[in-house]
């Protein structure tokens, strides 16, 4: 049976177009992709992301356990820190990418992709037997709203008891939002300043309503999955199932920065060290079309008269007004400036590998 988030009724009230996404009935658009996308880039947007999974890991050995199942080195995290990481198979394939929240030395939370939650929970539980930890799935009891854009802090300041300026990027604090107990994280998937707010599912409609009311003067708009995808793609944020999967590894996906190669042991370590040493045969790169066209996943990429890669994600960029995409391309053709051709509906469209992110959000990027 398809699942519904605690905000399902709100989406219907807003006449959202609903779709089945990872087994959840989710809004794909409200007023239109371009309008929603530009609202986030220019002001503020609100997202229901309650379909994401939240898994608590507690116990005396939670840090050594996470050091083993995560590729990143979390030993230096402080209470209130948020860190991006991945779980990998022994062959280096990616189980999932996720965010790690350090609540205390004995208590962490992982926020995982909705499509992978059950798989992740089984993976984590199966590997926890040698460690003194407890694994708790609190996903169904938890609602998650993402508030993204340059005006997001203004809105939270009005409805929260926290000094929002004290919540730094990639950090979180506990406080109240519209009277509801919440965990307020300065994170997001758009490249803009923004927050992801976790709270009890029964408080969802109240919190959503308070945010919409406080944001009215800033032109707040509800944002669906379609604009969420175009926003993340402009930043070259990878999407599991498209750009990364159990058939790809962090090195070729350009995520080596998230791997703690110096750690003594973690699942997939030997393969990833070897991949980094030898260099990957293909790389995930960004490209833009030099002619009219919209690239889509699985479109073939050619150079020098032969196929050298495949599109993993593609769209028409509302910010740049051109076709952009991500693709795995043979390393020899993956350099910035390399000329390529993308087969779009049986037509060869000229393109070029470009530096990413494709455009700058309000957050400084590497």
Protein backbone atom coordinates (compact mmCIF):
# COMPACT_ATOMS: atom_id res chain seq x y z
CA UNK A 1 0.00 0.00 0.00
CA UNK A 2 1.27 3.46 -0.88
CA UNK A 3 2.25 5.55 2.15
CA UNK A 4 1.19 9.09 2.97
CA UNK A 5 3.16 11.66 4.93
CA UNK A 6 1.54 13.55 7.84
CA UNK A 7 1.17 16.51 5.45
CA UNK A 8 -0.81 14.67 2.77
CA UNK A 9 -3.99 16.70 3.41
CA UNK A 10 -2.06 19.96 3.10
CA UNK A 11 -0.80 18.95 -0.33
CA UNK A 12 -4.32 18.20 -1.51
CA UNK A 13 -5.53 21.56 -0.17
CA UNK A 14 -2.80 23.22 -2.24
CA UNK A 15 -3.88 21.29 -5.37
CA UNK A 16 -0.53 19.57 -5.69
CA UNK A 17 0.01 17.01 -8.41
CA UNK A 18 0.70 13.80 -6.49
CA UNK A 19 2.85 10.88 -7.64
CA UNK A 20 4.12 7.58 -6.28
CA UNK A 21 7.72 8.16 -5.19
CA UNK A 22 9.58 5.33 -3.44
CA UNK A 23 6.25 3.98 -2.22
CA UNK A 24 5.06 7.36 -0.93
CA UNK A 25 2.27 9.58 -2.29
CA UNK A 26 4.28 12.78 -2.74
CA UNK A 27 3.74 16.19 -4.38
CA UNK A 28 5.70 16.53 -7.62
CA UNK A 29 4.52 20.08 -8.45
CA UNK A 30 2.20 22.76 -7.08
CA UNK A 31 2.39 25.91 -9.21
CA UNK A 32 5.00 24.67 -11.71
CA UNK A 33 8.64 23.59 -11.71
CA UNK A 34 10.20 26.85 -12.89
CA UNK A 35 8.17 29.04 -10.54
CA UNK A 36 8.94 26.79 -7.57
CA UNK A 37 12.63 26.51 -8.47
CA UNK A 38 13.12 30.27 -8.77
CA UNK A 39 11.23 30.89 -5.52
CA UNK A 40 13.91 28.92 -3.66
CA UNK A 41 16.77 30.60 -5.53
CA UNK A 42 15.36 34.10 -4.98
CA UNK A 43 13.40 33.97 -1.71
CA UNK A 44 12.16 30.86 0.11
CA UNK A 45 10.44 27.53 -0.44
CA UNK A 46 9.01 24.87 1.86
CA UNK A 47 9.35 21.13 1.21
CA UNK A 48 7.67 18.13 2.80
CA UNK A 49 10.45 15.54 3.08
CA UNK A 50 8.81 13.41 5.76
CA UNK A 51 9.33 10.35 3.56
CA UNK A 52 13.03 10.33 4.47
CA UNK A 53 14.20 7.74 6.99
CA UNK A 54 15.50 8.50 10.48
CA UNK A 55 17.48 5.82 12.31
CA UNK A 56 18.79 6.25 15.86
CA UNK A 57 21.95 4.42 16.88
CA UNK A 58 22.76 4.45 20.59
CA UNK A 59 25.20 2.70 22.88
CA UNK A 60 28.67 2.51 24.39
CA UNK A 61 30.26 1.50 21.08
CA UNK A 62 28.32 3.71 18.69
CA UNK A 63 31.42 5.60 17.48
CA UNK A 64 33.52 2.49 16.62
CA UNK A 65 30.42 0.95 15.01
CA UNK A 66 29.81 3.98 12.79
CA UNK A 67 33.51 4.15 11.97
CA UNK A 68 33.15 0.64 10.58
CA UNK A 69 29.92 0.93 8.57
CA UNK A 70 30.48 4.50 7.27
CA UNK A 71 33.25 5.45 4.86
CA UNK A 72 33.83 8.84 6.49
CA UNK A 73 35.82 9.51 9.66
CA UNK A 74 33.28 10.69 12.23
CA UNK A 75 35.68 10.54 15.19
CA UNK A 76 36.20 14.30 15.13
CA UNK A 77 32.52 15.24 15.11
CA UNK A 78 31.29 17.36 18.00
CA UNK A 79 27.83 17.36 19.54
CA UNK A 80 25.53 19.28 17.21
CA UNK A 81 27.59 18.51 14.08
CA UNK A 82 26.07 17.18 10.85
CA UNK A 83 28.23 15.29 8.36
CA UNK A 84 27.64 13.80 4.91
CA UNK A 85 28.67 10.17 4.56
CA UNK A 86 28.06 6.93 2.69
CA UNK A 87 27.74 3.23 3.46
CA UNK A 88 29.47 0.91 1.00
CA UNK A 89 29.52 -2.76 0.11
CA UNK A 90 32.78 -4.72 0.44
CA UNK A 91 33.29 -4.19 -3.33
CA UNK A 92 32.98 -0.41 -2.93
CA UNK A 93 29.44 -0.14 -4.31
CA UNK A 94 27.30 2.41 -2.52
CA UNK A 95 24.57 1.13 -0.20
CA UNK A 96 23.32 4.68 0.42
CA UNK A 97 24.42 8.24 1.02
CA UNK A 98 23.16 9.91 4.19
CA UNK A 99 23.56 12.60 6.82
CA UNK A 100 25.05 11.81 10.23
CA UNK A 101 23.87 13.79 13.28
CA UNK A 102 25.91 13.62 16.48
CA UNK A 103 23.61 14.10 19.45
CA UNK A 104 26.14 12.81 22.04
CA UNK A 105 29.11 10.45 22.25
CA UNK A 106 26.64 7.59 22.71
CA UNK A 107 23.80 8.78 20.46
CA UNK A 108 23.80 9.46 16.72
CA UNK A 109 21.02 9.75 14.17
CA UNK A 110 21.27 8.83 10.49
CA UNK A 111 18.93 10.44 7.95
CA UNK A 112 18.71 8.11 4.96
CA UNK A 113 17.00 8.09 1.57
CA UNK A 114 13.35 7.05 1.57
CA UNK A 115 13.85 4.49 -1.20
CA UNK A 116 16.63 2.82 0.80
CA UNK A 117 15.31 3.01 4.35
CA UNK A 118 14.34 -0.63 4.80
CA UNK A 119 17.50 -1.84 3.05
CA UNK A 120 19.65 0.50 5.14
CA UNK A 121 17.99 -0.57 8.38
CA UNK A 122 18.67 -4.22 7.57
CA UNK A 123 22.28 -3.45 6.58
CA UNK A 124 22.93 -1.52 9.78
CA UNK A 125 21.25 -4.10 11.99
CA UNK A 126 23.04 -7.02 10.31
CA UNK A 127 26.43 -5.43 11.00
CA UNK A 128 25.72 -4.32 14.58
CA UNK A 129 26.03 -7.74 16.21
CA UNK A 130 29.67 -7.33 17.30
CA UNK A 131 29.02 -3.92 18.86
CA UNK A 132 27.22 -2.77 22.00
CA UNK A 133 24.67 -0.59 20.21
CA UNK A 134 20.94 -0.35 19.73
CA UNK A 135 19.34 0.45 16.38
CA UNK A 136 15.93 2.18 16.37
CA UNK A 137 13.86 3.09 13.32
CA UNK A 138 11.88 6.22 14.21
CA UNK A 139 10.92 7.17 10.66
CA UNK A 140 7.14 6.80 10.92
CA UNK A 141 6.99 8.82 14.14
CA UNK A 142 9.05 11.65 12.63
CA UNK A 143 8.06 14.45 10.27
CA UNK A 144 10.64 16.48 8.36
CA UNK A 145 10.14 19.86 6.72
CA UNK A 146 12.85 21.59 4.70
CA UNK A 147 12.82 25.39 4.54
CA UNK A 148 15.23 26.62 1.84
CA UNK A 149 16.23 30.02 0.53
CA UNK A 150 17.72 33.34 1.60
CA UNK A 151 14.62 34.21 3.65
CA UNK A 152 14.43 30.88 5.51
CA UNK A 153 16.23 32.22 8.60
CA UNK A 154 13.80 35.17 8.76
CA UNK A 155 10.85 32.80 8.95
CA UNK A 156 12.35 30.54 11.61
CA UNK A 157 13.38 33.54 13.70
CA UNK A 158 9.71 34.53 13.92
CA UNK A 159 8.36 31.12 14.97
CA UNK A 160 11.23 29.53 16.93
CA UNK A 161 12.49 30.06 20.48
CA UNK A 162 16.09 29.66 19.27
CA UNK A 163 18.55 32.32 18.21
CA UNK A 164 18.61 31.04 14.63
CA UNK A 165 21.86 32.88 13.88
CA UNK A 166 23.56 30.56 16.39
CA UNK A 167 22.77 27.51 14.23
CA UNK A 168 25.74 27.29 11.87
CA UNK A 169 25.79 25.53 8.51
CA UNK A 170 26.10 21.74 8.97
CA UNK A 171 25.08 22.04 12.60
CA UNK A 172 21.84 21.48 14.52
CA UNK A 173 20.25 22.49 17.80
CA UNK A 174 17.16 21.50 19.72
CA UNK A 175 14.40 24.03 20.29
CA UNK A 176 10.77 24.77 19.62
CA UNK A 177 9.24 25.68 16.26
CA UNK A 178 5.66 26.97 16.43
CA UNK A 179 5.55 25.50 19.93
CA UNK A 180 6.60 22.00 18.80
CA UNK A 181 9.74 20.33 20.13
CA UNK A 182 12.14 20.11 17.18
CA UNK A 183 15.65 19.42 15.99
CA UNK A 184 16.68 22.31 13.75
CA UNK A 185 19.47 21.52 11.28
CA UNK A 186 21.08 24.09 8.99
CA UNK A 187 21.34 21.77 6.02
CA UNK A 188 19.60 21.17 2.70
CA UNK A 189 19.67 19.81 -0.83
CA UNK A 190 19.40 23.02 -2.83
CA UNK A 191 22.65 24.99 -2.48
CA UNK A 192 20.79 27.77 -0.70
CA UNK A 193 20.90 28.68 2.97
CA UNK A 194 18.22 26.64 4.65
CA UNK A 195 17.04 24.37 7.41
CA UNK A 196 15.72 20.86 7.87
CA UNK A 197 13.44 20.59 10.89
CA UNK A 198 12.63 17.25 12.53
CA UNK A 199 9.67 16.90 14.91
CA UNK A 200 6.87 14.54 15.91
CA UNK A 201 4.57 13.50 13.08
CA UNK A 202 1.47 14.70 14.95
CA UNK A 203 2.83 18.28 14.93
CA UNK A 204 3.35 18.39 11.16
CA UNK A 205 0.25 20.31 10.06
CA UNK A 206 0.68 22.88 12.83
CA UNK A 207 4.33 23.54 11.99
CA UNK A 208 3.66 23.67 8.23
CA UNK A 209 0.84 26.15 8.77
CA UNK A 210 2.99 28.40 10.97
CA UNK A 211 5.79 28.43 8.40
CA UNK A 212 3.41 29.23 5.55
CA UNK A 213 1.83 32.07 7.53
CA UNK A 214 5.17 33.56 8.61
CA UNK A 215 6.55 33.21 5.09
CA UNK A 216 3.64 34.84 3.29
CA UNK A 217 5.28 38.28 3.27
CA UNK A 218 8.43 36.74 1.76
CA UNK A 219 6.54 35.01 -1.04
CA UNK A 220 7.01 31.51 0.33
CA UNK A 221 5.96 28.71 -2.01
CA UNK A 222 5.49 24.97 -1.44
CA UNK A 223 8.00 23.03 -3.50
CA UNK A 224 7.49 19.61 -5.09
CA UNK A 225 9.84 16.81 -6.04
CA UNK A 226 10.38 18.12 -9.59
CA UNK A 227 11.88 21.45 -8.46
CA UNK A 228 13.78 19.66 -5.69
CA UNK A 229 15.45 17.68 -8.46
CA UNK A 230 16.35 20.68 -10.64
CA UNK A 231 17.69 22.56 -7.60
CA UNK A 232 19.95 19.72 -6.48
CA UNK A 233 21.13 19.03 -10.03
CA UNK A 234 22.31 22.64 -10.51
CA UNK A 235 24.53 22.05 -7.45
CA UNK A 236 25.75 18.61 -8.67
CA UNK A 237 24.28 16.93 -5.60
CA UNK A 238 24.04 13.24 -6.39
CA UNK A 239 20.75 11.35 -6.34
CA UNK A 240 20.75 7.72 -5.25
CA UNK A 241 19.40 5.44 -7.97
CA UNK A 242 20.49 7.86 -10.70
CA UNK A 243 24.02 9.16 -10.10
CA UNK A 244 25.09 6.70 -7.41
CA UNK A 245 24.07 3.13 -6.63
CA UNK A 246 25.48 -0.22 -5.58
CA UNK A 247 27.06 -0.34 -9.06
CA UNK A 248 29.08 2.85 -8.50
CA UNK A 249 31.73 3.79 -5.93
CA UNK A 250 32.53 7.09 -4.18
CA UNK A 251 35.81 7.63 -6.04
CA UNK A 252 34.35 7.59 -9.55
CA UNK A 253 31.33 9.54 -8.29
CA UNK A 254 33.58 12.43 -7.18
CA UNK A 255 32.85 11.79 -3.51
CA UNK A 256 36.38 10.91 -2.38
CA UNK A 257 36.29 13.94 -0.10
CA UNK A 258 33.75 12.07 2.04
CA UNK A 259 35.98 8.99 2.47
CA UNK A 260 38.32 8.62 5.47
CA UNK A 261 41.04 6.70 3.64
CA UNK A 262 43.30 6.87 6.71
CA UNK A 263 40.85 4.98 8.94
CA UNK A 264 42.10 1.56 10.01
CA UNK A 265 39.02 -0.34 8.92
CA UNK A 266 35.66 0.24 7.27
CA UNK A 267 33.53 -1.73 4.85
CA UNK A 268 34.89 -1.30 1.33
CA UNK A 269 38.19 0.27 2.44
CA UNK A 270 40.65 -1.87 0.45
CA UNK A 271 38.76 -1.52 -2.83
CA UNK A 272 38.34 2.24 -2.45
CA UNK A 273 42.01 2.76 -1.61
CA UNK A 274 42.95 0.75 -4.72
CA UNK A 275 40.50 2.74 -6.86
CA UNK A 276 41.95 6.03 -5.62
CA UNK A 277 45.52 4.83 -6.19
CA UNK A 278 44.96 3.60 -9.74
CA UNK A 279 42.38 6.21 -10.72
CA UNK A 280 38.85 5.41 -11.88
CA UNK A 281 38.16 4.39 -15.48
CA UNK A 282 35.16 6.72 -15.56
CA UNK A 283 34.11 9.85 -13.68
CA UNK A 284 30.83 11.51 -12.82
CA UNK A 285 30.97 14.96 -14.42
CA UNK A 286 28.68 17.84 -15.21
CA UNK A 287 27.96 18.87 -18.78
CA UNK A 288 25.84 21.45 -20.54
CA UNK A 289 24.30 21.37 -23.99
CA UNK A 290 25.53 23.92 -26.50
CA UNK A 291 22.38 23.50 -28.59
CA UNK A 292 18.69 23.18 -27.82
CA UNK A 293 17.69 19.97 -26.08
CA UNK A 294 17.02 18.39 -22.72
CA UNK A 295 19.26 15.50 -21.61
CA UNK A 296 17.65 12.64 -19.70
CA UNK A 297 18.91 9.65 -17.76
CA UNK A 298 20.40 6.85 -19.89
CA UNK A 299 20.98 9.02 -22.96
CA UNK A 300 24.26 7.97 -24.64
CA UNK A 301 27.25 10.31 -24.81
CA UNK A 302 29.70 10.24 -27.72
CA UNK A 303 33.14 11.66 -28.49
CA UNK A 304 35.53 10.94 -31.37
CA UNK A 305 32.84 8.87 -33.04
CA UNK A 306 32.28 6.39 -30.20
CA UNK A 307 30.16 6.06 -27.09
CA UNK A 308 32.13 7.27 -24.06
CA UNK A 309 29.46 7.63 -21.39
CA UNK A 310 25.85 7.77 -20.27
CA UNK A 311 23.68 10.47 -18.71
CA UNK A 312 22.60 9.76 -15.12
CA UNK A 313 20.56 12.92 -14.47
CA UNK A 314 19.49 15.69 -16.82
CA UNK A 315 17.11 18.61 -17.02
CA UNK A 316 16.46 22.07 -18.39
CA UNK A 317 18.07 24.40 -15.84
CA UNK A 318 15.61 27.14 -14.79
CA UNK A 319 18.51 29.27 -13.52
CA UNK A 320 20.66 29.00 -16.65
CA UNK A 321 17.93 28.42 -19.26
CA UNK A 322 19.84 25.58 -20.91
CA UNK A 323 20.10 21.80 -20.81
CA UNK A 324 22.44 20.45 -18.13
CA UNK A 325 23.20 17.00 -16.79
CA UNK A 326 25.45 14.60 -14.94
CA UNK A 327 27.07 11.64 -16.63
CA UNK A 328 29.65 8.94 -16.14
CA UNK A 329 32.22 9.52 -18.88
CA UNK A 330 35.44 7.68 -19.70
CA UNK A 331 38.23 9.44 -17.80
CA UNK A 332 40.02 10.54 -20.99
CA UNK A 333 36.96 12.62 -21.95
CA UNK A 334 35.97 13.76 -18.45
CA UNK A 335 38.13 16.90 -18.31
CA UNK A 336 36.47 20.33 -18.13
CA UNK A 337 36.23 21.69 -21.65
CA UNK A 338 35.97 18.31 -23.37
CA UNK A 339 33.56 18.42 -26.31
CA UNK A 340 30.88 15.73 -26.39
CA UNK A 341 27.66 14.87 -28.17
CA UNK A 342 24.52 13.66 -26.43
CA UNK A 343 22.02 11.50 -28.29
CA UNK A 344 18.72 13.27 -27.56
CA UNK A 345 15.74 11.56 -29.19
CA UNK A 346 17.89 10.12 -31.99
CA UNK A 347 19.54 13.48 -32.66
CA UNK A 348 23.15 14.26 -31.77
CA UNK A 349 23.31 17.45 -29.71
CA UNK A 350 26.63 19.18 -29.03
CA UNK A 351 27.71 19.60 -25.44
CA UNK A 352 30.69 20.32 -23.22
CA UNK A 353 32.00 19.05 -19.89
CA UNK A 354 31.87 21.99 -17.46
CA UNK A 355 32.97 22.89 -13.98
CA UNK A 356 30.38 22.26 -11.27
CA UNK A 357 28.29 23.42 -9.53
CA UNK A 358 26.53 24.72 -12.61
CA UNK A 359 25.45 27.87 -10.79
CA UNK A 360 26.13 29.35 -7.37
CA UNK A 361 23.61 29.21 -4.58
CA UNK A 362 23.91 31.35 -1.46
CA UNK A 363 26.34 28.85 0.10
CA UNK A 364 30.02 28.85 -0.76
CA UNK A 365 31.00 25.67 -2.60
CA UNK A 366 34.34 23.96 -3.26
